[in-house]
Amino acid sequence: MGTPHDLSPEPDEGNGSAGGGACAGGVSDFVISEAEFDRIFPDRDSCYTYQGLIDALHTYPRFANTGTEAMRSREAAAFLTHADFESVGLQYVKEINEANYWIKCDYSRPFGCPAGQSAYYGRGPIMFSWNFNYKAAGDALGLDLLNNPWLVEQDPSVAWQTALWYWNTQNGPGTMTSHEAMVGGAGFGETIRSLNGALECDGGNPASVRARVAKYERITGIIDTNPGSGLTC
């Protein structure tokens, strides 16, 4: 299985660790049903509730809600594929390697690290990390994640919101957001580039690319949709 990666300015790998948190409840017309979600993540940590994801969707209403049904399904599948890969089937809520925690504080930023130098380690479905990401995502989502980064491991909706923030607004090492890649026809391969292309794409780690594609094909199979073209980077 894959190893979770950080959303970092430099190529950087992190490891996850199972963790708990408060979980929430409700209903939705999300393109992936709760039964399908359960099939995709049969061994997930109890904090990663389906409803936590549903509660987070209001933050980016165009996510998995743009274009044809096939396009909406592919985007949802692509997003959950990277969550599957980064958090090892949603089994990990936070980064395991505590020796790396202090690295994720960039003191060159004017806002510093008010929660402590070791507070900005990877958390959530895409191992969201670094003080500047907590600051930017918190500002966008109306949450004080810079001062309280622990919300990402304690509240399932917040965990999913940070992942959706990155997916819908950040290019990472790519040239477009993952949302743009899936609705604009570039395909799944460009979402790999936007999340971890500095390490994996253009021959960097073809085994990881193949592993992500295999997970994507598995998930599109579960939800009965065609994976589309442009699968690799």
Protein backbone atom coordinates (compact mmCIF):
# COMPACT_ATOMS: atom_id res chain seq x y z
CA MET A 1 0.00 0.00 0.00
CA GLY A 2 1.04 3.60 -0.50
CA THR A 3 2.65 5.86 2.06
CA PRO A 4 0.91 9.17 2.85
CA HIS A 5 2.51 12.33 1.45
CA ASP A 6 2.58 15.86 2.84
CA LEU A 7 1.33 18.93 1.02
CA SER A 8 4.72 20.55 1.30
CA PRO A 9 6.83 23.05 -0.65
CA GLU A 10 9.59 20.45 -0.97
CA PRO A 11 9.17 16.78 -1.90
CA ASP A 12 8.47 15.21 1.49
CA GLU A 13 6.93 11.96 2.64
CA GLY A 14 5.04 11.50 5.90
CA ASN A 15 3.51 8.50 7.59
CA GLY A 16 0.05 8.39 9.11
CA SER A 17 -1.18 7.27 12.49
CA ALA A 18 -4.63 6.21 13.51
CA GLY A 19 -6.38 8.77 15.66
CA GLY A 20 -9.83 9.51 17.02
CA GLY A 21 -12.15 12.46 17.01
CA ALA A 22 -15.71 13.67 17.31
CA CYS A 23 -17.94 12.47 14.51
CA ALA A 24 -21.17 13.98 13.00
CA GLY A 25 -24.53 12.87 11.13
CA GLY A 26 -27.24 13.62 8.10
CA VAL A 27 -28.19 12.82 4.42
CA SER A 28 -27.15 13.86 0.91
CA ASP A 29 -27.46 13.38 -2.85
CA PHE A 30 -23.67 13.08 -3.23
CA VAL A 31 -22.81 11.01 -6.31
CA ILE A 32 -21.24 8.29 -4.12
CA SER A 33 -23.63 6.58 -1.73
CA GLU A 34 -22.86 5.66 1.84
CA ALA A 35 -22.93 1.96 0.89
CA GLU A 36 -20.33 2.60 -1.84
CA PHE A 37 -18.23 4.66 0.58
CA ASP A 38 -18.31 1.71 2.99
CA ARG A 39 -17.14 -0.63 0.21
CA ILE A 40 -14.33 1.74 -0.78
CA PHE A 41 -13.08 2.13 2.81
CA PRO A 42 -14.00 -1.05 4.73
CA ASP A 43 -11.22 -0.64 7.31
CA ARG A 44 -11.30 3.12 7.85
CA ASP A 45 -10.76 4.83 11.18
CA SER A 46 -14.08 5.50 12.92
CA CYS A 47 -13.59 9.27 12.72
CA TYR A 48 -13.79 9.23 8.92
CA THR A 49 -17.56 9.17 8.71
CA TYR A 50 -19.46 9.41 5.45
CA GLN A 51 -21.49 12.20 7.02
CA GLY A 52 -18.32 14.12 7.86
CA LEU A 53 -17.63 14.23 4.12
CA ILE A 54 -21.22 15.18 3.30
CA ASP A 55 -21.11 18.01 5.86
CA ALA A 56 -17.94 19.33 4.22
CA LEU A 57 -19.34 19.46 0.69
CA HIS A 58 -21.05 22.83 1.20
CA THR A 59 -17.63 24.49 1.27
CA TYR A 60 -17.03 23.75 -2.44
CA PRO A 61 -20.44 23.16 -4.07
CA ARG A 62 -18.99 22.68 -7.56
CA PHE A 63 -16.95 19.69 -6.40
CA ALA A 64 -18.39 16.45 -7.89
CA ASN A 65 -21.34 18.59 -8.98
CA THR A 66 -20.10 19.91 -12.34
CA GLY A 67 -20.86 18.47 -15.77
CA THR A 68 -22.32 15.10 -16.68
CA GLU A 69 -23.04 12.34 -14.18
CA ALA A 70 -19.94 10.49 -15.45
CA MET A 71 -17.79 13.59 -14.89
CA ARG A 72 -19.18 14.11 -11.40
CA SER A 73 -18.59 10.46 -10.56
CA ARG A 74 -15.02 10.51 -11.89
CA GLU A 75 -14.14 13.59 -9.86
CA ALA A 76 -15.53 12.09 -6.66
CA ALA A 77 -13.68 8.83 -7.38
CA ALA A 78 -10.41 10.66 -8.08
CA PHE A 79 -10.65 12.64 -4.84
CA LEU A 80 -11.38 9.52 -2.79
CA THR A 81 -8.56 7.68 -4.57
CA HIS A 82 -5.98 10.14 -3.25
CA ALA A 83 -7.55 9.99 0.21
CA ASP A 84 -7.27 6.20 -0.03
CA PHE A 85 -3.61 6.40 -1.05
CA GLU A 86 -2.47 9.14 1.32
CA SER A 87 -4.15 7.86 4.48
CA VAL A 88 -3.89 4.15 3.60
CA GLY A 89 -7.57 3.43 3.17
CA LEU A 90 -8.54 6.17 5.67
CA GLN A 91 -6.90 4.17 8.44
CA TYR A 92 -4.65 7.08 9.49
CA VAL A 93 -5.82 10.37 10.93
CA LYS A 94 -2.44 11.88 11.67
CA GLU A 95 1.20 11.45 10.77
CA ILE A 96 2.94 8.63 12.65
CA ASN A 97 6.52 9.87 12.55
CA GLU A 98 6.56 12.39 15.39
CA ALA A 99 10.25 13.07 14.75
CA ASN A 100 9.15 14.96 11.62
CA TYR A 101 6.52 17.15 13.28
CA TRP A 102 8.83 20.11 13.92
CA ILE A 103 9.85 20.28 10.23
CA LYS A 104 6.37 21.43 9.14
CA CYS A 105 6.74 24.90 10.66
CA ASP A 106 8.05 27.56 8.27
CA TYR A 107 9.13 30.40 10.55
CA SER A 108 9.89 32.63 7.56
CA ARG A 109 6.15 33.29 7.29
CA PRO A 110 5.03 36.48 9.08
CA PHE A 111 2.34 34.61 11.05
CA GLY A 112 4.84 32.06 12.38
CA CYS A 113 3.67 28.96 14.24
CA PRO A 114 1.51 30.16 17.15
CA ALA A 115 0.32 26.64 18.04
CA GLY A 116 3.93 25.50 18.47
CA GLN A 117 6.70 24.42 16.14
CA SER A 118 5.56 20.79 16.15
CA ALA A 119 1.81 21.44 15.71
CA TYR A 120 1.50 21.43 11.91
CA TYR A 121 2.11 17.77 11.09
CA GLY A 122 0.07 15.86 8.51
CA ARG A 123 -3.57 15.25 9.37
CA GLY A 124 -6.71 14.12 7.60
CA PRO A 125 -7.45 12.23 4.38
CA ILE A 126 -4.61 13.83 2.41
CA MET A 127 -2.20 14.33 5.33
CA PHE A 128 -2.67 18.10 5.29
CA SER A 129 0.43 19.80 6.76
CA TRP A 130 2.60 22.95 7.12
CA ASN A 131 1.69 26.16 8.96
CA PHE A 132 1.12 28.14 5.74
CA ASN A 133 -1.43 25.57 4.52
CA TYR A 134 -3.24 25.64 7.87
CA LYS A 135 -3.31 29.46 7.67
CA ALA A 136 -4.52 29.63 4.06
CA ALA A 137 -7.12 26.89 4.44
CA GLY A 138 -8.35 28.29 7.73
CA ASP A 139 -8.77 31.76 6.20
CA ALA A 140 -10.69 30.28 3.26
CA LEU A 141 -12.91 28.08 5.42
CA GLY A 142 -13.53 30.57 8.23
CA LEU A 143 -11.68 28.44 10.78
CA ASP A 144 -8.72 29.37 12.98
CA LEU A 145 -6.60 26.41 11.95
CA LEU A 146 -3.35 28.32 12.48
CA ASN A 147 -4.03 28.53 16.22
CA ASN A 148 -5.97 25.28 16.46
CA PRO A 149 -4.62 22.81 13.87
CA TRP A 150 -5.91 19.92 16.04
CA LEU A 151 -9.41 20.55 14.65
CA VAL A 152 -8.32 18.65 11.53
CA GLU A 153 -7.87 15.44 13.51
CA GLN A 154 -10.78 16.03 15.89
CA ASP A 155 -13.65 17.03 13.57
CA PRO A 156 -14.40 14.81 10.54
CA SER A 157 -16.02 17.65 8.59
CA VAL A 158 -12.97 19.87 9.09
CA ALA A 159 -10.66 17.05 8.00
CA TRP A 160 -12.59 16.68 4.74
CA GLN A 161 -12.87 20.47 4.32
CA THR A 162 -9.08 20.87 4.33
CA ALA A 163 -8.77 18.13 1.70
CA LEU A 164 -11.47 19.79 -0.42
CA TRP A 165 -9.74 23.18 -0.03
CA TYR A 166 -6.54 21.76 -1.48
CA TRP A 167 -8.36 19.84 -4.23
CA ASN A 168 -10.41 22.81 -5.39
CA THR A 169 -8.00 25.74 -4.95
CA GLN A 170 -4.37 24.59 -5.03
CA ASN A 171 -2.18 23.60 -8.00
CA GLY A 172 0.63 22.18 -5.88
CA PRO A 173 3.46 21.22 -8.25
CA GLY A 174 0.97 21.05 -11.15
CA THR A 175 -0.45 23.68 -13.49
CA MET A 176 -4.12 23.36 -12.51
CA THR A 177 -6.22 22.37 -9.54
CA SER A 178 -7.37 18.77 -9.30
CA HIS A 179 -10.96 19.98 -9.75
CA GLU A 180 -9.96 21.70 -12.99
CA ALA A 181 -8.14 18.58 -14.15
CA MET A 182 -11.22 16.40 -13.71
CA VAL A 183 -13.85 18.79 -15.11
CA GLY A 184 -11.63 20.14 -17.88
CA GLY A 185 -10.78 16.77 -19.38
CA ALA A 186 -7.10 16.56 -18.42
CA GLY A 187 -7.85 13.41 -16.45
CA PHE A 188 -6.75 11.62 -13.32
CA GLY A 189 -3.04 11.82 -14.13
CA GLU A 190 -3.08 15.60 -13.70
CA THR A 191 -4.55 15.24 -10.22
CA ILE A 192 -1.49 13.15 -9.32
CA ARG A 193 0.70 15.98 -10.61
CA SER A 194 -1.18 18.57 -8.55
CA LEU A 195 -0.90 16.54 -5.34
CA ASN A 196 2.50 14.89 -5.58
CA GLY A 197 3.89 15.45 -9.06
CA ALA A 198 7.27 16.69 -7.84
CA LEU A 199 7.97 13.22 -6.49
CA GLU A 200 5.96 10.92 -8.72
CA CYS A 201 5.37 12.31 -12.23
CA ASP A 202 7.63 12.33 -15.29
CA GLY A 203 9.31 9.11 -14.22
CA GLY A 204 9.89 10.22 -10.61
CA ASN A 205 8.10 7.25 -9.08
CA PRO A 206 6.20 5.22 -11.69
CA ALA A 207 5.30 2.56 -9.12
CA SER A 208 3.40 5.13 -7.03
CA VAL A 209 1.64 6.44 -10.13
CA ARG A 210 0.60 2.89 -11.05
CA ALA A 211 -0.62 2.30 -7.48
CA ARG A 212 -2.77 5.45 -7.57
CA VAL A 213 -4.20 4.51 -10.98
CA ALA A 214 -5.02 1.00 -9.73
CA LYS A 215 -6.87 2.45 -6.73
CA TYR A 216 -8.73 4.87 -9.02
CA GLU A 217 -9.78 2.04 -11.32
CA ARG A 218 -10.94 0.02 -8.31
CA ILE A 219 -13.06 2.91 -7.01
CA THR A 220 -14.56 3.77 -10.41
CA GLY A 221 -15.42 0.06 -10.65
CA ILE A 222 -17.22 0.15 -7.30
CA ILE A 223 -19.31 3.16 -8.36
CA ASP A 224 -19.77 1.75 -11.88
CA THR A 225 -18.29 4.59 -13.90
CA ASN A 226 -15.68 4.73 -16.68
CA PRO A 227 -12.30 6.03 -15.40
CA GLY A 228 -11.82 8.15 -18.54
CA SER A 229 -8.54 8.98 -20.28
CA GLY A 230 -5.32 10.68 -19.14
CA LEU A 231 -4.75 8.32 -16.24
CA THR A 232 -1.01 8.81 -15.75
CA CYS A 233 1.44 11.69 -15.47
